[in-house]
PDB file of N, CA and C in Angstrom:
ATOM      1  N   MET A   1      71.600 122.757  77.237  1.00  0.00           N
ATOM      2  CA  MET A   1      71.359 123.007  76.035  1.00  0.00           C
ATOM      3  C   MET A   1      69.760 122.709  75.583  1.00  0.00           C
ATOM      4  N   ILE A   2      69.309 123.657  74.906  1.00  0.00           N
ATOM      5  CA  ILE A   2      67.705 123.829  74.672  1.00  0.00           C
ATOM      6  C   ILE A   2      67.522 122.847  72.806  1.00  0.00           C
ATOM      7  N   LEU A   3      66.627 121.973  72.885  1.00  0.00           N
ATOM      8  CA  LEU A   3      66.378 121.167  71.542  1.00  0.00           C
ATOM      9  C   LEU A   3      66.650 122.419  70.693  1.00  0.00           C
ATOM     10  N   LYS A   4      65.951 123.681  70.609  1.00  0.00           N
ATOM     11  CA  LYS A   4      65.924 124.620  69.276  1.00  0.00           C
ATOM     12  C   LYS A   4      67.499 124.555  68.909  1.00  0.00           C
ATOM     13  N   ASP A   5      68.305 124.178  69.673  1.00  0.00           N
ATOM     14  CA  ASP A   5      69.987 124.321  69.401  1.00  0.00           C
ATOM     15  C   ASP A   5      70.440 123.004  69.218  1.00  0.00           C
ATOM     16  N   ALA A   6      69.752 122.213  69.169  1.00  0.00           N
ATOM     17  CA  ALA A   6      70.125 120.725  68.872  1.00  0.00           C
ATOM     18  C   ALA A   6      70.612 120.433  67.151  1.00  0.00           C
ATOM     19  N   LYS A   7      71.503 119.620  66.913  1.00  0.00           N
ATOM     20  CA  LYS A   7      71.998 119.136  65.303  1.00  0.00           C
ATOM     21  C   LYS A   7      71.301 118.140  64.825  1.00  0.00           C
ATOM     22  N   VAL A   8      71.441 118.306  63.540  1.00  0.00           N
ATOM     23  CA  VAL A   8      70.153 117.487  62.611  1.00  0.00           C
ATOM     24  C   VAL A   8      71.126 115.837  62.925  1.00  0.00           C
ATOM     25  N   GLY A   9      70.425 114.898  63.090  1.00  0.00           N
ATOM     26  CA  GLY A   9      71.154 113.537  62.945  1.00  0.00           C
ATOM     27  C   GLY A   9      71.528 112.947  64.532  1.00  0.00           C
ATOM     28  N   SER A  10      71.455 114.005  65.510  1.00  0.00           N
ATOM     29  CA  SER A  10      72.406 113.456  66.706  1.00  0.00           C
ATOM     30  C   SER A  10      71.028 112.889  67.745  1.00  0.00           C
ATOM     31  N   GLN A  11      71.463 112.407  68.649  1.00  0.00           N
ATOM     32  CA  GLN A  11      70.412 111.903  69.747  1.00  0.00           C
ATOM     33  C   GLN A  11      70.710 112.858  71.008  1.00  0.00           C
ATOM     34  N   TYR A  12      69.522 112.870  71.640  1.00  0.00           N
ATOM     35  CA  TYR A  12      69.772 113.414  73.197  1.00  0.00           C
ATOM     36  C   TYR A  12      68.902 112.737  73.694  1.00  0.00           C
ATOM     37  N   LEU A  13      69.090 113.103  75.178  1.00  0.00           N
ATOM     38  CA  LEU A  13      68.042 112.786  76.249  1.00  0.00           C
ATOM     39  C   LEU A  13      67.609 113.913  77.133  1.00  0.00           C
ATOM     40  N   VAL A  14      66.242 114.266  76.858  1.00  0.00           N
ATOM     41  CA  VAL A  14      64.975 115.007  77.793  1.00  0.00           C
ATOM     42  C   VAL A  14      65.644 115.091  79.169  1.00  0.00           C
ATOM     43  N   GLU A  15      66.136 116.409  79.250  1.00  0.00           N
ATOM     44  CA  GLU A  15      66.450 116.639  80.789  1.00  0.00           C
ATOM     45  C   GLU A  15      65.438 117.124  81.361  1.00  0.00           C
ATOM     46  N   SER A  16      64.249 117.959  81.599  1.00  0.00           N
ATOM     47  CA  SER A  16      63.317 119.003  81.329  1.00  0.00           C
ATOM     48  C   SER A  16      62.730 119.256  80.507  1.00  0.00           C
ATOM     49  N   LEU A  17      61.028 119.327  81.338  1.00  0.00           N
ATOM     50  CA  LEU A  17      60.527 120.334  79.969  1.00  0.00           C
ATOM     51  C   LEU A  17      59.534 121.397  81.301  1.00  0.00           C
ATOM     52  N   LYS A  18      59.830 122.694  80.423  1.00  0.00           N
ATOM     53  CA  LYS A  18      59.352 123.979  81.319  1.00  0.00           C
ATOM     54  C   LYS A  18      58.072 124.409  80.587  1.00  0.00           C
ATOM     55  N   LEU A  19      56.840 123.733  80.361  1.00  0.00           N
ATOM     56  CA  LEU A  19      55.866 124.175  79.741  1.00  0.00           C
ATOM     57  C   LEU A  19      54.418 124.357  80.398  1.00  0.00           C
ATOM     58  N   ASP A  20      53.673 124.663  80.045  1.00  0.00           N
ATOM     59  CA  ASP A  20      52.332 124.965  80.429  1.00  0.00           C
ATOM     60  C   ASP A  20      51.617 123.423  80.896  1.00  0.00           C
ATOM     61  N   ARG A  21      50.947 122.918  81.620  1.00  0.00           N
ATOM     62  CA  ARG A  21      50.301 121.854  81.963  1.00  0.00           C
ATOM     63  C   ARG A  21      49.662 121.122  80.844  1.00  0.00           C
ATOM     64  N   VAL A  22      49.057 121.943  80.051  1.00  0.00           N
ATOM     65  CA  VAL A  22      48.031 121.156  78.873  1.00  0.00           C
ATOM     66  C   VAL A  22      49.107 120.670  77.713  1.00  0.00           C
ATOM     67  N   THR A  23      49.866 121.390  77.435  1.00  0.00           N
ATOM     68  CA  THR A  23      50.986 121.093  76.333  1.00  0.00           C
ATOM     69  C   THR A  23      52.004 120.193  77.030  1.00  0.00           C
ATOM     70  N   MET A  24      52.339 120.345  78.601  1.00  0.00           N
ATOM     71  CA  MET A  24      53.073 119.043  78.909  1.00  0.00           C
ATOM     72  C   MET A  24      52.009 117.887  79.037  1.00  0.00           C
ATOM     73  N   SER A  25      51.232 117.722  79.332  1.00  0.00           N
ATOM     74  CA  SER A  25      50.407 116.417  79.113  1.00  0.00           C
ATOM     75  C   SER A  25      50.127 115.891  78.003  1.00  0.00           C
ATOM     76  N   ARG A  26      50.134 116.621  77.118  1.00  0.00           N
ATOM     77  CA  ARG A  26      49.742 116.339  75.296  1.00  0.00           C
ATOM     78  C   ARG A  26      51.362 115.371  74.700  1.00  0.00           C
ATOM     79  N   LEU A  27      52.230 116.239  75.583  1.00  0.00           N
ATOM     80  CA  LEU A  27      53.589 115.595  75.086  1.00  0.00           C
ATOM     81  C   LEU A  27      54.043 114.234  75.845  1.00  0.00           C
ATOM     82  N   GLU A  28      53.829 114.317  77.026  1.00  0.00           N
ATOM     83  CA  GLU A  28      53.839 113.106  77.927  1.00  0.00           C
ATOM     84  C   GLU A  28      52.935 111.610  77.141  1.00  0.00           C
ATOM     85  N   ALA A  29      51.772 112.165  76.218  1.00  0.00           N
ATOM     86  CA  ALA A  29      50.822 111.419  75.965  1.00  0.00           C
ATOM     87  C   ALA A  29      51.721 110.727  74.670  1.00  0.00           C
ATOM     88  N   LEU A  30      52.334 111.587  73.943  1.00  0.00           N
ATOM     89  CA  LEU A  30      52.931 111.117  72.834  1.00  0.00           C
ATOM     90  C   LEU A  30      54.252 110.488  72.926  1.00  0.00           C
ATOM     91  N   GLY A  31      54.589 110.355  74.505  1.00  0.00           N
ATOM     92  CA  GLY A  31      55.943 109.351  75.029  1.00  0.00           C
ATOM     93  C   GLY A  31      57.255 110.682  75.197  1.00  0.00           C
ATOM     94  N   LEU A  32      56.982 111.843  74.858  1.00  0.00           N
ATOM     95  CA  LEU A  32      57.839 112.530  75.540  1.00  0.00           C
ATOM     96  C   LEU A  32      58.400 112.972  76.729  1.00  0.00           C
ATOM     97  N   THR A  33      59.134 112.324  77.633  1.00  0.00           N
ATOM     98  CA  THR A  33      58.951 112.555  79.056  1.00  0.00           C
ATOM     99  C   THR A  33      60.272 112.719  79.456  1.00  0.00           C
ATOM    100  N   LYS A  34      60.573 113.214  80.497  1.00  0.00           N
ATOM    101  CA  LYS A  34      61.924 113.371  81.143  1.00  0.00           C
ATOM    102  C   LYS A  34      62.371 112.062  80.996  1.00  0.00           C
ATOM    103  N   GLY A  35      63.753 112.109  80.361  1.00  0.00           N
ATOM    104  CA  GLY A  35      64.935 110.572  80.422  1.00  0.00           C
ATOM    105  C   GLY A  35      64.471 109.954  79.023  1.00  0.00           C
ATOM    106  N   THR A  36      63.484 110.468  78.237  1.00  0.00           N
ATOM    107  CA  THR A  36      63.322 109.906  77.291  1.00  0.00           C
ATOM    108  C   THR A  36      64.573 110.308  75.890  1.00  0.00           C
ATOM    109  N   THR A  37      65.003 109.104  74.946  1.00  0.00           N
ATOM    110  CA  THR A  37      66.079 109.506  73.760  1.00  0.00           C
ATOM    111  C   THR A  37      65.074 110.128  72.823  1.00  0.00           C
ATOM    112  N   ILE A  38      65.693 110.998  72.188  1.00  0.00           N
ATOM    113  CA  ILE A  38      65.059 111.718  71.093  1.00  0.00           C
ATOM    114  C   ILE A  38      65.919 111.698  69.969  1.00  0.00           C
ATOM    115  N   LYS A  39      65.520 111.711  69.025  1.00  0.00           N
ATOM    116  CA  LYS A  39      66.537 112.145  67.587  1.00  0.00           C
ATOM    117  C   LYS A  39      66.142 113.038  67.063  1.00  0.00           C
ATOM    118  N   ILE A  40      67.114 113.829  66.298  1.00  0.00           N
ATOM    119  CA  ILE A  40      66.700 115.023  65.703  1.00  0.00           C
ATOM    120  C   ILE A  40      66.487 114.634  64.234  1.00  0.00           C
ATOM    121  N   LEU A  41      65.458 114.741  63.351  1.00  0.00           N
ATOM    122  CA  LEU A  41      65.374 114.769  62.087  1.00  0.00           C
ATOM    123  C   LEU A  41      65.997 115.727  60.911  1.00  0.00           C
ATOM    124  N   ASN A  42      64.954 116.802  61.425  1.00  0.00           N
ATOM    125  CA  ASN A  42      65.158 118.173  60.459  1.00  0.00           C
ATOM    126  C   ASN A  42      64.787 119.182  61.132  1.00  0.00           C
ATOM    127  N   ARG A  43      65.300 120.655  60.776  1.00  0.00           N
ATOM    128  CA  ARG A  43      65.310 121.397  61.905  1.00  0.00           C
ATOM    129  C   ARG A  43      64.747 122.908  60.579  1.00  0.00           C
ATOM    130  N   ASN A  44      64.354 123.962  60.870  1.00  0.00           N
ATOM    131  CA  ASN A  44      64.332 124.819  60.064  1.00  0.00           C
ATOM    132  C   ASN A  44      64.575 125.871  60.597  1.00  0.00           C
ATOM    133  N   ARG A  45      64.883 127.261  59.923  1.00  0.00           N
ATOM    134  CA  ARG A  45      65.113 128.511  60.385  1.00  0.00           C
ATOM    135  C   ARG A  45      64.061 129.135  61.922  1.00  0.00           C
ATOM    136  N   SER A  46      63.122 128.771  61.385  1.00  0.00           N
ATOM    137  CA  SER A  46      62.241 129.382  62.660  1.00  0.00           C
ATOM    138  C   SER A  46      62.047 128.693  63.845  1.00  0.00           C
ATOM    139  N   GLY A  47      62.942 127.631  63.840  1.00  0.00           N
ATOM    140  CA  GLY A  47      63.421 127.314  65.349  1.00  0.00           C
ATOM    141  C   GLY A  47      62.327 125.942  65.362  1.00  0.00           C
ATOM    142  N   SER A  48      61.417 125.254  64.403  1.00  0.00           N
ATOM    143  CA  SER A  48      60.663 124.016  64.347  1.00  0.00           C
ATOM    144  C   SER A  48      61.699 123.141  64.533  1.00  0.00           C
ATOM    145  N   VAL A  49      61.377 121.971  64.756  1.00  0.00           N
ATOM    146  CA  VAL A  49      62.044 120.535  65.026  1.00  0.00           C
ATOM    147  C   VAL A  49      61.537 119.694  64.772  1.00  0.00           C
ATOM    148  N   ILE A  50      61.518 118.712  63.599  1.00  0.00           N
ATOM    149  CA  ILE A  50      60.968 117.217  63.478  1.00  0.00           C
ATOM    150  C   ILE A  50      61.763 116.206  64.227  1.00  0.00           C
ATOM    151  N   ILE A  51      61.586 115.796  65.142  1.00  0.00           N
ATOM    152  CA  ILE A  51      62.305 114.646  66.164  1.00  0.00           C
ATOM    153  C   ILE A  51      61.411 113.399  65.837  1.00  0.00           C
ATOM    154  N   MET A  52      62.256 112.092  66.550  1.00  0.00           N
ATOM    155  CA  MET A  52      61.794 110.690  66.111  1.00  0.00           C
ATOM    156  C   MET A  52      61.688 110.216  67.939  1.00  0.00           C
ATOM    157  N   VAL A  53      60.613 110.060  68.544  1.00  0.00           N
ATOM    158  CA  VAL A  53      60.643 109.665  69.920  1.00  0.00           C
ATOM    159  C   VAL A  53      60.116 108.507  69.854  1.00  0.00           C
ATOM    160  N   ARG A  54      60.140 107.149  70.452  1.00  0.00           N
ATOM    161  CA  ARG A  54      59.644 106.183  70.331  1.00  0.00           C
ATOM    162  C   ARG A  54      59.170 105.779  69.348  1.00  0.00           C
ATOM    163  N   GLY A  55      60.089 105.811  68.219  1.00  0.00           N
ATOM    164  CA  GLY A  55      59.081 105.235  66.809  1.00  0.00           C
ATOM    165  C   GLY A  55      58.462 105.772  66.007  1.00  0.00           C
ATOM    166  N   SER A  56      58.057 107.274  66.455  1.00  0.00           N
ATOM    167  CA  SER A  56      56.732 108.018  66.229  1.00  0.00           C
ATOM    168  C   SER A  56      57.858 109.691  65.998  1.00  0.00           C
ATOM    169  N   ARG A  57      57.238 110.097  64.462  1.00  0.00           N
ATOM    170  CA  ARG A  57      58.038 110.881  64.150  1.00  0.00           C
ATOM    171  C   ARG A  57      56.788 112.554  64.495  1.00  0.00           C
ATOM    172  N   PHE A  58      57.428 113.195  64.543  1.00  0.00           N
ATOM    173  CA  PHE A  58      56.579 114.633  64.928  1.00  0.00           C
ATOM    174  C   PHE A  58      57.446 115.899  65.185  1.00  0.00           C
ATOM    175  N   ALA A  59      56.480 116.849  64.854  1.00  0.00           N
ATOM    176  CA  ALA A  59      57.234 118.256  64.752  1.00  0.00           C
ATOM    177  C   ALA A  59      56.932 119.314  66.055  1.00  0.00           C
ATOM    178  N   LEU A  60      57.965 120.076  66.788  1.00  0.00           N
ATOM    179  CA  LEU A  60      57.649 120.902  67.663  1.00  0.00           C
ATOM    180  C   LEU A  60      57.935 122.431  66.773  1.00  0.00           C
ATOM    181  N   GLY A  61      57.145 123.225  67.648  1.00  0.00           N
ATOM    182  CA  GLY A  61      57.418 124.538  67.247  1.00  0.00           C
ATOM    183  C   GLY A  61      57.991 125.356  67.657  1.00  0.00           C
ATOM    184  N   ASN A  62      58.567 126.491  67.363  1.00  0.00           N
ATOM    185  CA  ASN A  62      59.596 127.421  67.965  1.00  0.00           C
ATOM    186  C   ASN A  62      59.662 127.274  70.227  1.00  0.00           C
ATOM    187  N   LYS A  63      58.312 127.905  69.951  1.00  0.00           N
ATOM    188  CA  LYS A  63      58.199 128.061  71.594  1.00  0.00           C
ATOM    189  C   LYS A  63      58.491 127.033  72.610  1.00  0.00           C
ATOM    190  N   ILE A  64      57.896 125.659  71.902  1.00  0.00           N
ATOM    191  CA  ILE A  64      58.138 124.202  72.502  1.00  0.00           C
ATOM    192  C   ILE A  64      59.752 123.840  72.368  1.00  0.00           C
ATOM    193  N   THR A  65      60.029 124.190  71.767  1.00  0.00           N
ATOM    194  CA  THR A  65      61.915 123.956  71.442  1.00  0.00           C
ATOM    195  C   THR A  65      62.162 124.488  72.331  1.00  0.00           C
ATOM    196  N   GLU A  66      62.197 125.876  72.614  1.00  0.00           N
ATOM    197  CA  GLU A  66      62.744 126.668  73.767  1.00  0.00           C
ATOM    198  C   GLU A  66      62.594 126.322  75.195  1.00  0.00           C
ATOM    199  N   ALA A  67      61.570 125.589  75.259  1.00  0.00           N
ATOM    200  CA  ALA A  67      61.201 124.954  76.569  1.00  0.00           C
ATOM    201  C   ALA A  67      61.474 123.740  76.800  1.00  0.00           C
ATOM    202  N   ILE A  68      62.070 122.858  76.121  1.00  0.00           N
ATOM    203  CA  ILE A  68      62.838 121.803  76.060  1.00  0.00           C
ATOM    204  C   ILE A  68      64.281 121.354  76.322  1.00  0.00           C
ATOM    205  N   GLN A  69      65.018 121.023  77.667  1.00  0.00           N
ATOM    206  CA  GLN A  69      66.404 121.325  78.019  1.00  0.00           C
ATOM    207  C   GLN A  69      66.583 119.752  77.386  1.00  0.00           C
ATOM    208  N   ILE A  70      67.570 119.339  76.929  1.00  0.00           N
ATOM    209  CA  ILE A  70      68.276 118.595  76.434  1.00  0.00           C
ATOM    210  C   ILE A  70      69.509 118.387  76.680  1.00  0.00           C
ATOM    211  N   ARG A  71      70.399 116.721  76.601  1.00  0.00           N
ATOM    212  CA  ARG A  71      71.871 117.000  76.801  1.00  0.00           C
ATOM    213  C   ARG A  71      72.255 115.434  75.872  1.00  0.00           C
ATOM    214  N   GLU A  72      73.703 115.635  75.336  1.00  0.00           N
ATOM    215  CA  GLU A  72      73.704 114.368  74.494  1.00  0.00           C
ATOM    216  C   GLU A  72      73.466 113.116  75.167  1.00  0.00           C
ATOM    217  N   ALA A  73      73.024 112.316  74.304  1.00  0.00           N
ATOM    218  CA  ALA A  73      72.933 110.854  74.541  1.00  0.00           C
ATOM    219  C   ALA A  73      74.288 110.125  74.625  1.00  0.00           C
ATOM    220  N   SER A  74      74.659 109.620  75.409  1.00  0.00           N
ATOM    221  CA  SER A  74      75.965 108.717  75.365  1.00  0.00           C
ATOM    222  C   SER A  74      76.137 107.419  74.573  1.00  0.00           C
TER     223      SER A  74
END
């Protein structure tokens, strides 16, 4: 599943990030790496998603949310 399709209020594990090197480095610096647990706080129709990662909230745009593969956290 991609991050764009995640349900608000649910927790997921990041499986992979298929982004350009600059974007990938920036997300890694923010703590969003493979295996990280994230919580979906909000979503809008354009595909933007607000997530909680390691105690910090941030928003990701449509193109980024389409490039992050996730699975439900158990």
